[in-house]
Amino acid sequence: MAFTPLHDRVLVKRVESEEKTKGGLIIPDSAKEKPAEGLVVACGEGARKDSGELIAMSVKTGDKVLFGKWSGTEVTIDGEELLIMKESDILGITEAA
């Protein structure tokens, strides 16, 4: 993929949610919400302070993250649907690759 986010932006691929509940009920596509977790595909270098000093990113490529329901901008890159969001839209890291 030939895309690199700038500054404190992160490129995220949504992770598909489970098709069944813990009780075994199958969730139809019409009732599913878009998942609010994903895999970090690419990261920018980080934000800059007023002094020009670089603020390092807290996430890295391969991290599995949770983000807000309405976070990010949906884009299609190389035929794949992805999200571009600011690092501050990410609520937390669930696990790293």
C-alpha atoms as a PDB file:
ATOM      1  CA  MET A   1       0.000   0.000   0.000  1.00  0.00           C
ATOM      2  CA  ALA A   2       1.416   3.351  -1.023  1.00  0.00           C
ATOM      3  CA  PHE A   3      -0.262   5.561   1.586  1.00  0.00           C
ATOM      4  CA  THR A   4       1.353   7.178   4.621  1.00  0.00           C
ATOM      5  CA  PRO A   5      -0.754   9.269   7.016  1.00  0.00           C
ATOM      6  CA  LEU A   6       0.630  12.664   7.969  1.00  0.00           C
ATOM      7  CA  HIS A   7       1.257  14.135  11.431  1.00  0.00           C
ATOM      8  CA  ASP A   8      -0.863  12.424  14.139  1.00  0.00           C
ATOM      9  CA  ARG A   9      -3.182  10.591  11.745  1.00  0.00           C
ATOM     10  CA  VAL A  10      -3.687   6.811  11.824  1.00  0.00           C
ATOM     11  CA  LEU A  11      -4.969   4.468   9.097  1.00  0.00           C
ATOM     12  CA  VAL A  12      -7.214   1.751  10.584  1.00  0.00           C
ATOM     13  CA  LYS A  13      -8.862  -1.337   9.099  1.00  0.00           C
ATOM     14  CA  ARG A  14     -12.090  -2.319  10.868  1.00  0.00           C
ATOM     15  CA  VAL A  15     -12.168  -5.767  12.479  1.00  0.00           C
ATOM     16  CA  GLU A  16     -15.319  -7.740  11.712  1.00  0.00           C
ATOM     17  CA  SER A  17     -17.599  -8.414  14.682  1.00  0.00           C
ATOM     18  CA  GLU A  18     -18.897 -11.804  15.745  1.00  0.00           C
ATOM     19  CA  GLU A  19     -21.794 -13.316  13.788  1.00  0.00           C
ATOM     20  CA  LYS A  20     -23.242 -14.905  16.946  1.00  0.00           C
ATOM     21  CA  THR A  21     -23.955 -13.785  20.499  1.00  0.00           C
ATOM     22  CA  LYS A  22     -22.469 -15.657  23.460  1.00  0.00           C
ATOM     23  CA  GLY A  23     -25.834 -17.409  23.814  1.00  0.00           C
ATOM     24  CA  GLY A  24     -25.594 -18.716  20.246  1.00  0.00           C
ATOM     25  CA  LEU A  25     -28.082 -16.379  18.529  1.00  0.00           C
ATOM     26  CA  ILE A  26     -27.110 -15.398  14.990  1.00  0.00           C
ATOM     27  CA  ILE A  27     -27.082 -11.650  14.406  1.00  0.00           C
ATOM     28  CA  PRO A  28     -28.536 -10.670  10.991  1.00  0.00           C
ATOM     29  CA  ASP A  29     -26.588  -8.174   8.840  1.00  0.00           C
ATOM     30  CA  SER A  30     -29.395  -5.605   9.165  1.00  0.00           C
ATOM     31  CA  ALA A  31     -28.987  -5.546  12.969  1.00  0.00           C
ATOM     32  CA  LYS A  32     -25.201  -5.315  13.026  1.00  0.00           C
ATOM     33  CA  GLU A  33     -23.452  -2.072  13.819  1.00  0.00           C
ATOM     34  CA  LYS A  34     -20.124  -1.168  12.273  1.00  0.00           C
ATOM     35  CA  PRO A  35     -17.430  -2.427  14.634  1.00  0.00           C
ATOM     36  CA  ALA A  36     -15.616   0.169  16.730  1.00  0.00           C
ATOM     37  CA  GLU A  37     -12.386  -1.773  16.809  1.00  0.00           C
ATOM     38  CA  GLY A  38      -9.733  -2.184  14.208  1.00  0.00           C
ATOM     39  CA  LEU A  39      -6.163  -2.910  13.273  1.00  0.00           C
ATOM     40  CA  VAL A  40      -3.682  -0.069  12.759  1.00  0.00           C
ATOM     41  CA  VAL A  41      -2.390  -0.324   9.184  1.00  0.00           C
ATOM     42  CA  ALA A  42      -0.174   2.789   9.127  1.00  0.00           C
ATOM     43  CA  CYS A  43       0.742   5.745  11.365  1.00  0.00           C
ATOM     44  CA  GLY A  44       2.039   9.239  10.782  1.00  0.00           C
ATOM     45  CA  GLU A  45       5.223  10.415  12.493  1.00  0.00           C
ATOM     46  CA  GLY A  46       3.352  12.272  15.253  1.00  0.00           C
ATOM     47  CA  ALA A  47       2.168  15.751  16.162  1.00  0.00           C
ATOM     48  CA  ARG A  48       4.473  18.679  16.802  1.00  0.00           C
ATOM     49  CA  LYS A  49       4.583  21.094  19.724  1.00  0.00           C
ATOM     50  CA  ASP A  50       4.677  24.839  19.059  1.00  0.00           C
ATOM     51  CA  SER A  51       8.435  24.631  19.540  1.00  0.00           C
ATOM     52  CA  GLY A  52       8.662  22.120  16.656  1.00  0.00           C
ATOM     53  CA  GLU A  53       9.499  19.185  18.921  1.00  0.00           C
ATOM     54  CA  LEU A  54       7.951  15.893  17.746  1.00  0.00           C
ATOM     55  CA  ILE A  55       5.417  14.175  20.020  1.00  0.00           C
ATOM     56  CA  ALA A  56       5.805  10.415  19.434  1.00  0.00           C
ATOM     57  CA  MET A  57       2.734   8.329  18.587  1.00  0.00           C
ATOM     58  CA  SER A  58       1.309   6.012  21.271  1.00  0.00           C
ATOM     59  CA  VAL A  59       0.073   3.487  18.705  1.00  0.00           C
ATOM     60  CA  LYS A  60       2.028   1.592  16.083  1.00  0.00           C
ATOM     61  CA  THR A  61       1.301  -0.510  13.025  1.00  0.00           C
ATOM     62  CA  GLY A  62      -0.231  -3.841  14.048  1.00  0.00           C
ATOM     63  CA  ASP A  63      -1.940  -2.595  17.238  1.00  0.00           C
ATOM     64  CA  LYS A  64      -5.575  -3.610  17.729  1.00  0.00           C
ATOM     65  CA  VAL A  65      -7.439  -0.507  18.883  1.00  0.00           C
ATOM     66  CA  LEU A  66     -10.863   0.673  20.040  1.00  0.00           C
ATOM     67  CA  PHE A  67     -12.242   3.954  18.715  1.00  0.00           C
ATOM     68  CA  GLY A  68     -15.411   6.035  18.983  1.00  0.00           C
ATOM     69  CA  LYS A  69     -18.486   5.052  16.987  1.00  0.00           C
ATOM     70  CA  TRP A  70     -18.354   8.142  14.745  1.00  0.00           C
ATOM     71  CA  SER A  71     -14.564   8.493  14.605  1.00  0.00           C
ATOM     72  CA  GLY A  72     -12.558   8.897  11.448  1.00  0.00           C
ATOM     73  CA  THR A  73     -13.177   9.420   7.764  1.00  0.00           C
ATOM     74  CA  GLU A  74     -13.973   6.413   5.587  1.00  0.00           C
ATOM     75  CA  VAL A  75     -11.703   6.030   2.549  1.00  0.00           C
ATOM     76  CA  THR A  76     -11.095   3.331  -0.050  1.00  0.00           C
ATOM     77  CA  ILE A  77      -7.446   2.587  -0.803  1.00  0.00           C
ATOM     78  CA  ASP A  78      -6.478  -0.200  -3.217  1.00  0.00           C
ATOM     79  CA  GLY A  79     -10.098  -1.437  -3.123  1.00  0.00           C
ATOM     80  CA  GLU A  80     -10.075  -1.797   0.671  1.00  0.00           C
ATOM     81  CA  GLU A  81     -12.343   0.227   3.001  1.00  0.00           C
ATOM     82  CA  LEU A  82     -10.297   1.916   5.730  1.00  0.00           C
ATOM     83  CA  LEU A  83     -10.594   4.750   8.241  1.00  0.00           C
ATOM     84  CA  ILE A  84      -8.284   7.722   8.691  1.00  0.00           C
ATOM     85  CA  MET A  85      -8.483   9.260  12.154  1.00  0.00           C
ATOM     86  CA  LYS A  86      -6.474  11.354  14.554  1.00  0.00           C
ATOM     87  CA  GLU A  87      -4.631   9.467  17.255  1.00  0.00           C
ATOM     88  CA  SER A  88      -6.779  11.272  19.842  1.00  0.00           C
ATOM     89  CA  ASP A  89      -9.905   9.523  18.406  1.00  0.00           C
ATOM     90  CA  ILE A  90      -8.462   6.181  19.534  1.00  0.00           C
ATOM     91  CA  LEU A  91      -9.782   5.190  22.963  1.00  0.00           C
ATOM     92  CA  GLY A  92      -7.291   2.438  23.731  1.00  0.00           C
ATOM     93  CA  ILE A  93      -5.153  -0.460  22.583  1.00  0.00           C
ATOM     94  CA  THR A  94      -6.597  -3.934  23.149  1.00  0.00           C
ATOM     95  CA  GLU A  95      -3.597  -5.975  22.005  1.00  0.00           C
ATOM     96  CA  ALA A  96      -0.508  -5.682  19.840  1.00  0.00           C
ATOM     97  CA  ALA A  97       0.505  -7.955  16.996  1.00  0.00           C
END
